[in-house]
Amino acid sequence: MTPDRDEVEALANSVIAVYPKVTSAIPVAKIEQSLVADDNGEQYSVFYAYIKIPFVCRLAAILEDLDYMTPVLLNIVALAWGGFVL
C-alpha cells in the first residue's frame, strides 16, 4: 500500500505484462483506495492493486517456462548420464 496511485498502477501493469494473454482470458488489475490512520490518528488515503490472473494464463506461463527450460534440463541429464567429455 502506498499513497501514490501512479506507482501502484505502474507496478500492477508490470505484473500483468509478465503473464501471457490467452484468448479472452487476460489478467486484470483493479486499483482500490483505502482510508487508514497513522499513529497520531490522522487519516490519509492509500492505494493498492487487486490483481486477478486467470488459471489459463497461469498455465500458459508455466508451459512457457518449461519450454525454455527443456534444453537446459536435457543437457544436464545428458551430461550426468554420459559423463563429462572434454
Protein backbone atom coordinates (compact mmCIF):
# COMPACT_ATOMS: atom_id res chain seq x y z
CA MET A 1 0.00 0.00 0.00
CA THR A 2 1.23 3.41 -0.93
CA PRO A 3 -0.28 6.89 -1.10
CA ASP A 4 0.89 7.22 -4.75
CA ARG A 5 -1.73 5.88 -7.18
CA ASP A 6 0.59 6.16 -10.20
CA GLU A 7 3.18 3.93 -8.52
CA VAL A 8 0.56 1.26 -7.80
CA GLU A 9 -0.70 1.39 -11.39
CA ALA A 10 2.83 1.05 -12.77
CA LEU A 11 3.57 -1.95 -10.56
CA ALA A 12 0.26 -3.61 -11.41
CA ASN A 13 0.85 -3.10 -15.14
CA SER A 14 4.35 -4.59 -14.87
CA VAL A 15 2.93 -7.69 -13.15
CA ILE A 16 0.20 -8.06 -15.76
CA ALA A 17 2.70 -7.69 -18.62
CA VAL A 18 4.59 -10.81 -17.45
CA TYR A 19 1.67 -13.18 -17.98
CA PRO A 20 0.63 -14.28 -21.49
CA LYS A 21 -2.76 -13.31 -22.85
CA VAL A 22 -4.79 -16.38 -23.81
CA THR A 23 -7.93 -15.88 -25.94
CA SER A 24 -10.42 -13.94 -23.83
CA ALA A 25 -8.67 -14.69 -20.53
CA ILE A 26 -6.46 -11.73 -19.70
CA PRO A 27 -5.03 -10.65 -16.34
CA VAL A 28 -6.87 -7.70 -14.79
CA ALA A 29 -5.76 -5.22 -12.14
CA LYS A 30 -8.17 -3.16 -10.09
CA ILE A 31 -6.75 -0.20 -8.17
CA GLU A 32 -8.56 0.37 -4.88
CA GLN A 33 -8.34 3.10 -2.28
CA SER A 34 -8.49 2.74 1.47
CA LEU A 35 -8.53 5.23 4.32
CA VAL A 36 -6.07 4.47 7.12
CA ALA A 37 -4.95 6.33 10.23
CA ASP A 38 -1.39 6.96 11.30
CA ASP A 39 -0.09 6.90 14.89
CA ASN A 40 -1.43 10.40 15.54
CA GLY A 41 -4.92 9.48 14.36
CA GLU A 42 -4.76 11.46 11.13
CA GLN A 43 -6.48 9.76 8.23
CA TYR A 44 -4.97 9.51 4.77
CA SER A 45 -5.62 7.55 1.60
CA VAL A 46 -3.54 4.64 0.41
CA PHE A 47 -3.88 2.70 -2.82
CA TYR A 48 -3.40 -0.98 -3.53
CA ALA A 49 -3.92 -3.26 -6.51
CA TYR A 50 -6.15 -6.30 -6.61
CA ILE A 51 -4.72 -8.43 -9.43
CA LYS A 52 -6.67 -11.35 -10.87
CA ILE A 53 -4.75 -13.77 -13.08
CA PRO A 54 -6.93 -16.46 -14.70
CA PHE A 55 -5.89 -20.11 -14.41
CA VAL A 56 -5.40 -20.40 -18.17
CA CYS A 57 -2.85 -17.55 -18.12
CA ARG A 58 -1.00 -19.14 -15.21
CA LEU A 59 -0.93 -22.49 -17.01
CA ALA A 60 0.37 -20.85 -20.19
CA ALA A 61 3.14 -19.13 -18.19
CA ILE A 62 4.17 -22.47 -16.64
CA LEU A 63 4.23 -24.11 -20.09
CA GLU A 64 6.37 -21.27 -21.45
CA ASP A 65 8.81 -21.72 -18.57
CA LEU A 66 9.01 -25.46 -19.24
CA ASP A 67 9.56 -24.79 -22.94
CA TYR A 68 12.53 -22.52 -22.17
CA MET A 69 13.97 -24.87 -19.52
CA THR A 70 13.72 -28.13 -21.51
CA PRO A 71 17.00 -27.75 -23.47
CA VAL A 72 18.92 -26.91 -20.29
CA LEU A 73 17.42 -29.82 -18.37
CA LEU A 74 18.06 -32.26 -21.20
CA ASN A 75 21.69 -31.15 -21.42
CA ILE A 76 22.10 -31.65 -17.67
CA VAL A 77 20.64 -35.15 -17.96
CA ALA A 78 22.90 -35.96 -20.94
CA LEU A 79 25.99 -34.75 -19.10
CA ALA A 80 25.06 -36.63 -15.92
CA TRP A 81 24.28 -39.85 -17.78
CA GLY A 82 27.08 -39.80 -20.33
CA GLY A 83 29.71 -38.16 -18.17
CA PHE A 84 31.80 -35.12 -18.88
CA VAL A 85 33.90 -35.34 -22.03
CA LEU A 86 36.40 -32.65 -22.82
